[in-house]
Structures are given as C-alpha cells and as structure tokens.
C-alpha cells in the first residue's frame, strides 16, 4: 500500500461537504453532504464487489463474505462531522478499511471469517444532539421512540428527516450476534502521541461520556433602563455554571465542556429571558463522571445570586478545603506554602516577623533568585548581600539560616527525600529533614 494510492482514494472524498471559507467540514447526518458521502461509499464498495447492506437505523455496511456465517470482523467509522470539523475525523477509518481490503486481496488472502466495513450514522451527534446515535439504536441503548422525537436546530425531527425509514428504527440483536470483533482506525485529536513520540497508539478503554442540556430562565428587560439590582439575568447563572463545570472537572481530572449555547431573545441591548446550554462531560470512571455532573446539577434552581434565576452552589474555591475559621488558614497554608524571595529585599523580613503577621505566623520564605541576574554573576557576591538584612536588624541569625538553607531544604527534601544525596550538604540536609516541624 502506497501513499499515492491512499491519496488518490482520499482525494475523491475530500471535496464533499468542505466549507470553502474555513476549510472545515459540514457533513451533518442525513444532510446532502453526508448522503453524498454514503453514495461515494456504495460506489467504492460495489467496485470491490462487496455486498451492501443498510440496517434498520441508517448504518451502512459493506461485506466481504457472508455475514450470516457469524463471528465477523468489522471495521469502519463515520462520515458525519462536527461543525467545521477536520477531514480525517471519521472518514479516515472508512477509507483505510477499503484500502485494507484491497491489500488483503492483492496478497491472496481468503478470510475464514466475514469482513465488514461500516459507516455509522450520526456518530458525532452534531445534528440531533445524541452522540453515536446509529450504534446506540443498533445496540438498544436508546429507544426508537426517544430517537424519533429528537429535533435538530431547525426544528426538524429525526422522524421527519428519515421519513418512512423512521418506522424501522430499533435494536438488532441478531445482527450484533453475528459480529465477533470490531476495530476502528481513528485520527488522534490530542497531543498524546506527539508527547509519546509514537505514530500509532492502541486504546485500552473508552471513557464514560455524556451530554446534558441545561435550561435557565430569567426575565427579559431593557439593558439601558433596568437597574442592576432589579435584573433577573439567566446569563449570569449560566456563566456561573460553566465556571463550576470547569472547576469540578479539573478537581476530578475529568473533562467538561460547554461549547453550545442559545440565548433568547439574543439581542445586544436586551437582558435575556432564557438561556439553554449543553454540557459535554467525560471521565475515566463512570462514578467520577456522575460526581462531576451531579456537582454541576446541584447549582441549578438555587437562588444564590439573589436575582431569582438560580445559582451555583459551592463556587467558593476555599470550600473544598473545609475552611470554617481563621485558624484553618493558618493550619492549611503556613506549613505547606513556600515563598521564593529576592536576596536583598527588605520585605523578606515580614515573613519572619511573628508580631506583624496575623495569628503570629512565621512564613516559609527562602532565597531563590538573583543568580543569573545581570548584576549577580557570582553566588559569592549575592550571599553577603542577603546578609545585609541581618546587619540592618531586619533578620536575626536563625531567620537568616532558615531563609538561606532550612526552608529550601524542606521545600525540596520533603517532596524528594533523596534530593540532596551526593551533595556537599547531604548530612546537614538530612539533619534538617529529621527534625520535627
């Protein structure tokens, strides 16, 4: 298989649905562009003498061998795109599958199991809002009744878009029973392979994933005459919810995205009456995903903003630290936080001044800069300069020792106990780390 052969087949597909202005693709499910891709697939499959089969849910199949034999090996992907999506997102898996059949035949391979290539319908969910709709219907994870009621942004239902074919929607357990394996070649859309320095990766799991619609209701009014205190603005609540989703996802090492929003009446000089947003959330474990979504959901319906449009519970960044008193700040931060300071800055003295600091705190300041500055080419020059803080009565000898050595040892050594091994201060550093705080 050569690059030229791939490029030749690829070029026959790439013009379909491409936006001339952005270079991205607009191939929404059952749109003219996506239907043209399906026609392209049928022609290419027939050219290879593959058998064409469309299931009850609009998924398009091409078979080498008789699928009724069972234990089939299936590959493929999808043609539909996200708005202005990339060329390789989906079609790469289908084009590569067709070329793989060519290569196997050229090598004289006669498969002992049927081989199928599938183009799933509405995989992205960009038109009707449910991702993997074709495969969900096939497996029965979404009911035909619910699917028929889905409506796109133009108010067209799936039932209307499919016409008579909508009556046949539903699970196909017999078809699934004939499948033995499925593998999909897909473009990697992040940076994982780049950072690993690898051209190909094999996925070991699929993250649990879902989409949720969020509705916020306020009171439409004029932007120029309604005082801030009289407003019931749902955009504010929506904005707080987006921030909460971002925070909860980061705390849980999950992903949360709000990339679609509708505002009514959607006028520059009008306070909104309604806001609808869509949350896409993903996590490595279902329990983590559920927790993230529930944390966002808890904010809906609350009146924390005082404007009657709802609010978001627990936006306070300190709440997760369970801070309930001033002493909590001291206990949580004074021992754990370190502050790198410039050598001769008199402000360094404040860190060690218990009388000046709240709750008589003594902070973990340590010498960390000056070396490499244009005026400090030599370490032996900057240490005496730092000692001027003692000579001027701003620090005592104990403060200076902690500033220049003890706090730095704790900063590095408590994270990595072997940090100072093999250095000239190994023994002294070990003594510091052995002492209780």
Protein backbone atom coordinates (compact mmCIF):
# COMPACT_ATOMS: atom_id res chain seq x y z
CA UNK A 1 0.00 0.00 0.00
CA UNK A 2 1.50 3.29 -1.10
CA UNK A 3 0.92 6.86 -0.06
CA UNK A 4 -0.13 7.59 -3.62
CA UNK A 5 -2.94 5.02 -3.53
CA UNK A 6 -4.26 6.40 -0.28
CA UNK A 7 -4.07 9.95 -1.60
CA UNK A 8 -5.90 9.02 -4.78
CA UNK A 9 -8.87 7.49 -2.96
CA UNK A 10 -8.81 10.23 -0.34
CA UNK A 11 -9.00 13.00 -2.95
CA UNK A 12 -12.21 11.54 -4.36
CA UNK A 13 -13.93 12.06 -0.98
CA UNK A 14 -12.43 15.24 0.47
CA UNK A 15 -14.36 17.83 -1.61
CA UNK A 16 -17.71 16.64 -0.26
CA UNK A 17 -19.06 18.96 2.42
CA UNK A 18 -15.96 21.13 2.69
CA UNK A 19 -16.57 24.77 3.61
CA UNK A 20 -14.55 26.99 1.29
CA UNK A 21 -14.21 29.77 3.87
CA UNK A 22 -13.00 27.78 6.90
CA UNK A 23 -11.62 24.64 5.26
CA UNK A 24 -13.63 22.59 7.76
CA UNK A 25 -16.41 20.13 7.01
CA UNK A 26 -20.17 20.44 7.36
CA UNK A 27 -21.41 16.89 6.98
CA UNK A 28 -24.40 16.66 9.30
CA UNK A 29 -26.25 13.35 9.48
CA UNK A 30 -28.66 12.81 6.58
CA UNK A 31 -27.74 16.16 5.05
CA UNK A 32 -26.95 16.42 1.35
CA UNK A 33 -23.20 16.29 2.08
CA UNK A 34 -23.43 13.22 4.29
CA UNK A 35 -25.74 11.46 1.84
CA UNK A 36 -23.22 12.18 -0.91
CA UNK A 37 -20.55 10.50 1.23
CA UNK A 38 -22.81 7.48 1.56
CA UNK A 39 -23.23 7.33 -2.21
CA UNK A 40 -19.45 7.50 -2.54
CA UNK A 41 -19.14 4.59 -0.11
CA UNK A 42 -21.64 2.46 -2.01
CA UNK A 43 -19.84 3.06 -5.30
CA UNK A 44 -16.44 2.20 -3.82
CA UNK A 45 -17.84 -0.93 -2.16
CA UNK A 46 -19.52 -2.13 -5.35
CA UNK A 47 -16.31 -1.53 -7.29
CA UNK A 48 -14.74 -4.05 -4.89
CA UNK A 49 -17.67 -6.46 -5.29
CA UNK A 50 -18.66 -6.04 -1.68
CA UNK A 51 -22.26 -6.64 -0.61
CA UNK A 52 -24.12 -3.50 0.55
CA UNK A 53 -26.47 -3.64 3.49
CA UNK A 54 -28.26 -0.80 5.34
CA UNK A 55 -29.55 -1.72 8.78
CA UNK A 56 -32.75 -0.52 10.47
CA UNK A 57 -31.00 2.53 11.94
CA UNK A 58 -29.29 4.02 8.91
CA UNK A 59 -25.89 2.42 9.49
CA UNK A 60 -24.35 1.44 6.16
CA UNK A 61 -22.48 -1.89 5.83
CA UNK A 62 -20.28 -3.42 3.12
CA UNK A 63 -19.44 -7.13 3.37
CA UNK A 64 -16.66 -9.35 2.06
CA UNK A 65 -18.11 -12.76 2.69
CA UNK A 66 -21.48 -13.78 4.08
CA UNK A 67 -22.28 -12.00 7.39
CA UNK A 68 -24.74 -14.77 8.24
CA UNK A 69 -21.74 -17.04 8.85
CA UNK A 70 -21.15 -15.12 12.09
CA UNK A 71 -18.04 -14.22 14.06
CA UNK A 72 -17.47 -11.35 11.62
CA UNK A 73 -14.55 -8.93 11.87
CA UNK A 74 -15.81 -5.39 11.36
CA UNK A 75 -14.04 -2.09 10.94
CA UNK A 76 -15.09 1.38 9.81
CA UNK A 77 -16.11 4.71 11.31
CA UNK A 78 -18.45 7.54 10.25
CA UNK A 79 -18.92 10.30 7.67
CA UNK A 80 -20.83 12.90 9.70
CA UNK A 81 -18.81 15.75 11.19
CA UNK A 82 -18.83 18.26 13.98
CA UNK A 83 -19.42 21.82 12.74
CA UNK A 84 -16.41 22.75 10.61
CA UNK A 85 -14.72 19.52 11.64
CA UNK A 86 -11.47 18.02 10.39
CA UNK A 87 -11.17 15.94 7.23
CA UNK A 88 -9.78 12.83 8.95
CA UNK A 89 -12.31 12.67 11.80
CA UNK A 90 -14.27 9.56 10.81
CA UNK A 91 -13.61 9.13 7.05
CA UNK A 92 -10.02 8.02 7.74
CA UNK A 93 -11.35 4.79 9.25
CA UNK A 94 -13.56 4.09 6.24
CA UNK A 95 -11.04 4.93 3.52
CA UNK A 96 -8.37 2.88 5.31
CA UNK A 97 -10.77 -0.07 5.61
CA UNK A 98 -11.47 -0.09 1.87
CA UNK A 99 -7.74 0.04 1.12
CA UNK A 100 -7.11 -2.76 3.63
CA UNK A 101 -9.49 -4.98 1.68
CA UNK A 102 -7.56 -4.13 -1.49
CA UNK A 103 -4.27 -5.04 0.16
CA UNK A 104 -5.54 -8.34 1.55
CA UNK A 105 -6.84 -9.38 -1.84
CA UNK A 106 -3.57 -8.43 -3.54
CA UNK A 107 -1.78 -10.70 -1.09
CA UNK A 108 -4.10 -13.55 -1.91
CA UNK A 109 -5.78 -13.64 1.48
CA UNK A 110 -9.05 -15.58 1.68
CA UNK A 111 -10.60 -14.69 5.03
CA UNK A 112 -12.06 -17.52 7.07
CA UNK A 113 -14.49 -15.08 8.68
CA UNK A 114 -16.70 -12.45 7.04
CA UNK A 115 -15.19 -8.97 6.97
CA UNK A 116 -17.42 -5.92 7.23
CA UNK A 117 -16.92 -2.18 6.78
CA UNK A 118 -19.48 0.05 8.48
CA UNK A 119 -20.32 3.74 8.26
CA UNK A 120 -22.24 4.59 11.42
CA UNK A 121 -24.99 7.22 11.30
CA UNK A 122 -24.96 10.41 13.40
CA UNK A 123 -21.85 9.37 15.32
CA UNK A 124 -20.93 12.94 16.30
CA UNK A 125 -24.44 13.91 17.36
CA UNK A 126 -23.98 17.32 15.76
CA UNK A 127 -27.42 17.39 14.19
CA UNK A 128 -29.75 15.67 16.67
CA UNK A 129 -27.70 16.09 19.84
CA UNK A 130 -27.07 12.44 20.75
CA UNK A 131 -23.62 11.08 20.00
CA UNK A 132 -23.27 7.60 18.49
CA UNK A 133 -26.97 7.60 17.66
CA UNK A 134 -26.75 4.93 14.96
CA UNK A 135 -24.81 2.49 17.12
CA UNK A 136 -26.93 3.31 20.19
CA UNK A 137 -30.06 2.39 18.26
CA UNK A 138 -28.40 -0.74 16.94
CA UNK A 139 -27.50 -1.92 20.45
CA UNK A 140 -30.73 -0.74 22.08
CA UNK A 141 -29.13 1.74 24.45
CA UNK A 142 -31.57 4.39 23.20
CA UNK A 143 -35.17 3.65 22.39
CA UNK A 144 -36.60 4.16 18.94
CA UNK A 145 -39.38 6.30 20.44
CA UNK A 146 -36.93 8.72 22.01
CA UNK A 147 -34.79 8.83 18.87
CA UNK A 148 -37.75 9.71 16.65
CA UNK A 149 -38.55 12.67 18.90
CA UNK A 150 -35.07 14.21 18.65
CA UNK A 151 -35.11 17.61 16.93
CA UNK A 152 -32.33 19.48 15.17
CA UNK A 153 -31.60 23.22 15.39
CA UNK A 154 -34.03 23.92 12.53
CA UNK A 155 -36.88 22.16 14.31
CA UNK A 156 -36.73 19.06 12.09
CA UNK A 157 -37.32 15.82 13.96
CA UNK A 158 -35.41 12.64 13.25
CA UNK A 159 -38.70 11.01 12.29
CA UNK A 160 -39.27 13.70 9.67
CA UNK A 161 -35.68 13.54 8.41
CA UNK A 162 -35.90 9.77 7.88
CA UNK A 163 -39.44 9.68 6.52
CA UNK A 164 -40.76 6.15 6.12
CA UNK A 165 -37.46 4.69 7.35
CA UNK A 166 -38.15 6.08 10.83
CA UNK A 167 -40.68 3.32 11.45
CA UNK A 168 -37.97 0.65 11.33
CA UNK A 169 -35.68 2.15 13.99
CA UNK A 170 -34.70 -0.16 16.83
CA UNK A 171 -32.26 -2.66 18.28
CA UNK A 172 -30.94 -5.52 16.15
CA UNK A 173 -29.72 -8.27 18.48
CA UNK A 174 -29.46 -10.80 15.62
CA UNK A 175 -27.07 -8.56 13.71
CA UNK A 176 -24.97 -7.97 16.82
CA UNK A 177 -24.79 -11.69 17.48
CA UNK A 178 -23.08 -12.18 14.12
CA UNK A 179 -20.25 -9.78 15.00
CA UNK A 180 -17.10 -11.24 16.50
CA UNK A 181 -14.80 -8.22 16.65
CA UNK A 182 -14.78 -4.52 15.84
CA UNK A 183 -11.74 -2.29 15.38
CA UNK A 184 -11.69 1.36 14.32
CA UNK A 185 -8.81 3.38 12.97
CA UNK A 186 -9.28 6.97 14.10
CA UNK A 187 -7.27 10.15 13.92
CA UNK A 188 -5.74 11.11 17.27
CA UNK A 189 -7.14 14.56 18.04
CA UNK A 190 -4.99 15.48 21.03
CA UNK A 191 -1.27 15.56 21.77
CA UNK A 192 -0.78 12.17 23.44
CA UNK A 193 1.01 10.53 20.52
CA UNK A 194 3.15 13.61 19.94
CA UNK A 195 4.26 13.64 23.55
CA UNK A 196 4.93 9.89 23.46
CA UNK A 197 6.84 10.17 20.19
CA UNK A 198 4.73 7.40 18.63
CA UNK A 199 2.90 7.33 15.27
CA UNK A 200 0.14 4.94 16.42
CA UNK A 201 -1.50 4.13 19.73
CA UNK A 202 -3.91 1.40 20.82
CA UNK A 203 -6.78 2.47 23.04
CA UNK A 204 -7.30 0.30 26.10
CA UNK A 205 -10.63 1.78 27.19
CA UNK A 206 -13.30 4.30 26.28
CA UNK A 207 -14.04 7.00 28.83
CA UNK A 208 -17.65 7.22 30.02
CA UNK A 209 -19.18 10.22 28.27
CA UNK A 210 -22.45 12.08 28.23
CA UNK A 211 -24.20 15.28 27.18
CA UNK A 212 -26.70 17.24 29.21
CA UNK A 213 -28.97 20.18 28.37
CA UNK A 214 -29.14 22.98 30.92
CA UNK A 215 -32.04 25.45 30.95
CA UNK A 216 -32.01 28.80 32.77
CA UNK A 217 -34.99 31.14 32.97
CA UNK A 218 -34.94 34.82 33.81
CA UNK A 219 -36.86 37.93 32.86
CA UNK A 220 -36.32 39.81 29.63
CA UNK A 221 -35.80 43.53 30.03
CA UNK A 222 -34.08 46.56 28.58
CA UNK A 223 -30.32 46.80 29.12
CA UNK A 224 -30.35 50.58 29.32
CA UNK A 225 -33.19 51.17 31.76
CA UNK A 226 -33.19 48.21 34.16
CA UNK A 227 -31.02 48.77 37.21
CA UNK A 228 -28.54 46.07 38.12
CA UNK A 229 -30.39 45.31 41.35
CA UNK A 230 -33.68 44.76 39.53
CA UNK A 231 -32.36 42.29 36.98
CA UNK A 232 -33.19 38.59 36.74
CA UNK A 233 -30.48 37.67 34.26
CA UNK A 234 -30.12 33.96 33.40
CA UNK A 235 -26.87 34.60 31.54
CA UNK A 236 -25.16 35.17 34.89
CA UNK A 237 -26.36 31.85 36.23
CA UNK A 238 -25.28 30.15 33.02
CA UNK A 239 -21.84 31.73 33.33
CA UNK A 240 -21.50 30.57 36.94
CA UNK A 241 -22.48 27.07 35.86
CA UNK A 242 -19.81 27.00 33.17
CA UNK A 243 -17.22 28.05 35.76
CA UNK A 244 -18.47 25.39 38.15
CA UNK A 245 -18.23 22.70 35.45
CA UNK A 246 -14.68 23.75 34.67
CA UNK A 247 -13.71 23.68 38.35
CA UNK A 248 -15.33 20.32 39.09
CA UNK A 249 -13.72 18.70 36.05
CA UNK A 250 -10.25 19.96 36.97
CA UNK A 251 -10.63 18.75 40.55
CA UNK A 252 -11.65 15.29 39.34
CA UNK A 253 -9.15 15.01 36.44
CA UNK A 254 -12.15 14.82 34.13
CA UNK A 255 -13.23 16.87 31.10
CA UNK A 256 -16.17 19.27 30.96
CA UNK A 257 -17.07 21.48 28.03
CA UNK A 258 -19.90 23.89 27.30
CA UNK A 259 -19.49 24.65 23.61
CA UNK A 260 -23.04 25.36 22.57
CA UNK A 261 -25.48 27.92 23.92
CA UNK A 262 -28.75 29.53 22.82
CA UNK A 263 -29.87 32.84 24.28
CA UNK A 264 -33.34 34.38 23.90
CA UNK A 265 -34.11 36.99 22.68
CA UNK A 266 -30.41 37.16 21.73
CA UNK A 267 -30.21 40.94 21.39
CA UNK A 268 -27.24 43.08 22.37
CA UNK A 269 -29.34 45.61 24.30
CA UNK A 270 -31.68 43.14 25.98
CA UNK A 271 -31.42 41.21 29.22
CA UNK A 272 -32.01 37.59 28.30
CA UNK A 273 -35.21 35.74 29.12
CA UNK A 274 -33.88 32.23 28.61
CA UNK A 275 -30.55 30.51 28.19
CA UNK A 276 -30.02 26.92 27.07
CA UNK A 277 -26.56 25.41 27.20
CA UNK A 278 -25.19 21.94 26.52
CA UNK A 279 -22.62 20.26 28.75
CA UNK A 280 -20.27 17.59 27.40
CA UNK A 281 -18.56 15.71 30.24
CA UNK A 282 -16.14 12.76 30.23
CA UNK A 283 -14.11 10.92 32.86
CA UNK A 284 -12.03 7.78 33.25
CA UNK A 285 -14.61 6.19 35.56
CA UNK A 286 -18.41 6.34 35.49
CA UNK A 287 -18.52 7.21 39.18
CA UNK A 288 -16.24 10.21 38.56
CA UNK A 289 -18.40 11.37 35.67
CA UNK A 290 -21.53 11.05 37.80
CA UNK A 291 -19.92 13.09 40.58
CA UNK A 292 -18.87 15.88 38.23
CA UNK A 293 -22.30 16.12 36.63
CA UNK A 294 -24.07 15.98 39.98
CA UNK A 295 -21.87 18.78 41.34
CA UNK A 296 -22.88 20.94 38.40
CA UNK A 297 -26.50 19.88 38.66
CA UNK A 298 -26.70 20.88 42.34
CA UNK A 299 -26.38 24.50 41.36
CA UNK A 300 -29.49 24.53 39.21
CA UNK A 301 -32.53 26.04 40.87
CA UNK A 302 -30.65 27.74 43.69
CA UNK A 303 -31.16 31.43 44.27
CA UNK A 304 -27.65 32.22 45.47
CA UNK A 305 -27.38 35.22 43.15
CA UNK A 306 -30.37 36.94 44.64
CA UNK A 307 -31.79 37.58 41.17
CA UNK A 308 -34.29 34.74 41.01
CA UNK A 309 -32.59 32.90 38.15
CA UNK A 310 -30.78 30.24 40.13
CA UNK A 311 -27.15 29.96 41.03
CA UNK A 312 -24.29 27.58 41.55
CA UNK A 313 -23.60 26.05 44.91
CA UNK A 314 -20.05 25.86 46.16
CA UNK A 315 -18.33 28.33 43.85
CA UNK A 316 -16.05 29.33 46.75
CA UNK A 317 -12.61 27.95 45.93
CA UNK A 318 -11.87 27.55 49.66
CA UNK A 319 -14.91 25.36 50.33
CA UNK A 320 -13.14 22.14 49.33
CA UNK A 321 -10.50 22.89 51.95
CA UNK A 322 -13.22 22.89 54.63
CA UNK A 323 -12.20 26.32 55.89
CA UNK A 324 -14.56 27.42 58.63
CA UNK A 325 -12.34 29.67 60.75
CA UNK A 326 -9.26 31.89 60.58
CA UNK A 327 -7.18 29.22 62.27
CA UNK A 328 -7.93 26.89 59.35
CA UNK A 329 -5.99 29.24 57.08
CA UNK A 330 -3.00 29.03 59.41
CA UNK A 331 -3.11 25.25 59.72
CA UNK A 332 -3.54 24.63 55.99
CA UNK A 333 -1.19 27.17 54.46
CA UNK A 334 1.57 28.27 56.82
CA UNK A 335 3.39 24.93 56.88
CA UNK A 336 2.63 23.91 53.30
CA UNK A 337 3.40 27.04 51.32
CA UNK A 338 6.88 28.29 50.47
CA UNK A 339 7.81 31.69 49.09
CA UNK A 340 10.84 32.26 46.91
CA UNK A 341 12.30 35.70 47.56
CA UNK A 342 14.93 38.00 46.13
CA UNK A 343 18.04 38.08 48.30
CA UNK A 344 18.24 41.67 49.49
CA UNK A 345 14.57 42.65 49.51
CA UNK A 346 13.74 44.14 52.94
CA UNK A 347 10.19 42.82 52.58
CA UNK A 348 11.61 39.34 53.25
CA UNK A 349 11.72 40.29 56.91
CA UNK A 350 7.93 40.31 57.10
CA UNK A 351 7.85 36.54 56.60
CA UNK A 352 9.73 36.02 59.87
CA UNK A 353 8.05 38.73 61.94
CA UNK A 354 5.51 36.92 64.11
CA UNK A 355 4.40 40.19 65.69
CA UNK A 356 3.46 41.70 62.35
CA UNK A 357 1.76 38.66 60.80
CA UNK A 358 -1.81 37.53 61.55
CA UNK A 359 -2.04 34.70 64.05
CA UNK A 360 1.70 35.18 64.76
CA UNK A 361 2.56 33.21 61.64
CA UNK A 362 6.14 32.68 60.53
CA UNK A 363 6.19 32.00 56.79
CA UNK A 364 8.46 29.72 54.80
CA UNK A 365 10.44 32.29 52.83
CA UNK A 366 13.65 31.19 51.20
CA UNK A 367 16.37 32.56 48.99
CA UNK A 368 15.55 31.67 45.41
CA UNK A 369 16.61 34.31 42.92
CA UNK A 370 19.29 36.83 41.93
CA UNK A 371 21.58 34.16 40.50
CA UNK A 372 21.71 34.79 36.78
CA UNK A 373 20.59 38.38 37.07
CA UNK A 374 22.68 40.78 35.06
CA UNK A 375 24.06 42.24 38.27
CA UNK A 376 24.70 38.91 40.04
CA UNK A 377 27.18 36.81 38.05
CA UNK A 378 28.66 35.13 41.15
CA UNK A 379 26.95 33.37 44.09
CA UNK A 380 29.66 34.54 46.47
CA UNK A 381 28.52 38.11 45.90
CA UNK A 382 24.84 37.66 46.50
CA UNK A 383 25.00 35.80 49.84
CA UNK A 384 26.82 38.64 51.62
CA UNK A 385 24.29 40.99 50.08
CA UNK A 386 21.46 38.94 51.56
CA UNK A 387 23.20 39.04 54.97
CA UNK A 388 22.73 42.80 54.96
CA UNK A 389 19.19 42.05 56.21
CA UNK A 390 20.82 40.79 59.43
CA UNK A 391 23.25 43.70 59.62
CA UNK A 392 20.35 46.12 59.32
CA UNK A 393 18.46 44.37 62.10
CA UNK A 394 15.66 43.04 59.90
CA UNK A 395 16.53 39.36 60.43
CA UNK A 396 18.36 37.52 63.22
CA UNK A 397 20.82 34.68 62.64
CA UNK A 398 18.16 32.00 63.00
CA UNK A 399 15.92 33.75 60.48
CA UNK A 400 18.84 34.04 58.07
CA UNK A 401 19.71 30.36 58.41
CA UNK A 402 16.12 29.38 57.65
CA UNK A 403 15.97 31.85 54.76
CA UNK A 404 19.20 30.67 53.14
CA UNK A 405 19.12 26.93 53.94
CA UNK A 406 16.49 25.32 56.18
CA UNK A 407 13.36 26.33 54.26
CA UNK A 408 14.92 25.47 50.92
CA UNK A 409 15.91 22.03 52.23
CA UNK A 410 12.36 21.38 53.42
CA UNK A 411 10.87 22.63 50.14
CA UNK A 412 12.87 20.19 48.04
CA UNK A 413 13.56 17.42 50.52
CA UNK A 414 10.03 16.82 51.78
CA UNK A 415 8.93 16.11 48.23
CA UNK A 416 12.01 14.07 47.34
CA UNK A 417 14.00 12.78 50.35
CA UNK A 418 16.92 11.87 48.06
CA UNK A 419 17.17 15.34 46.55
CA UNK A 420 20.37 16.25 48.42
CA UNK A 421 22.06 12.85 48.25
CA UNK A 422 25.57 13.08 46.89
CA UNK A 423 25.83 16.81 47.52
CA UNK A 424 28.19 18.58 49.91
CA UNK A 425 25.23 19.42 52.16
CA UNK A 426 23.79 15.90 52.27
CA UNK A 427 24.45 15.44 56.00
CA UNK A 428 23.19 18.89 57.01
CA UNK A 429 20.07 18.48 54.85
CA UNK A 430 19.31 15.11 56.42
CA UNK A 431 19.52 16.66 59.89
CA UNK A 432 17.03 19.36 58.92
CA UNK A 433 14.58 16.85 57.47
CA UNK A 434 14.86 14.63 60.56
CA UNK A 435 13.76 17.45 62.86
CA UNK A 436 10.02 17.74 63.58
CA UNK A 437 8.29 20.80 62.21
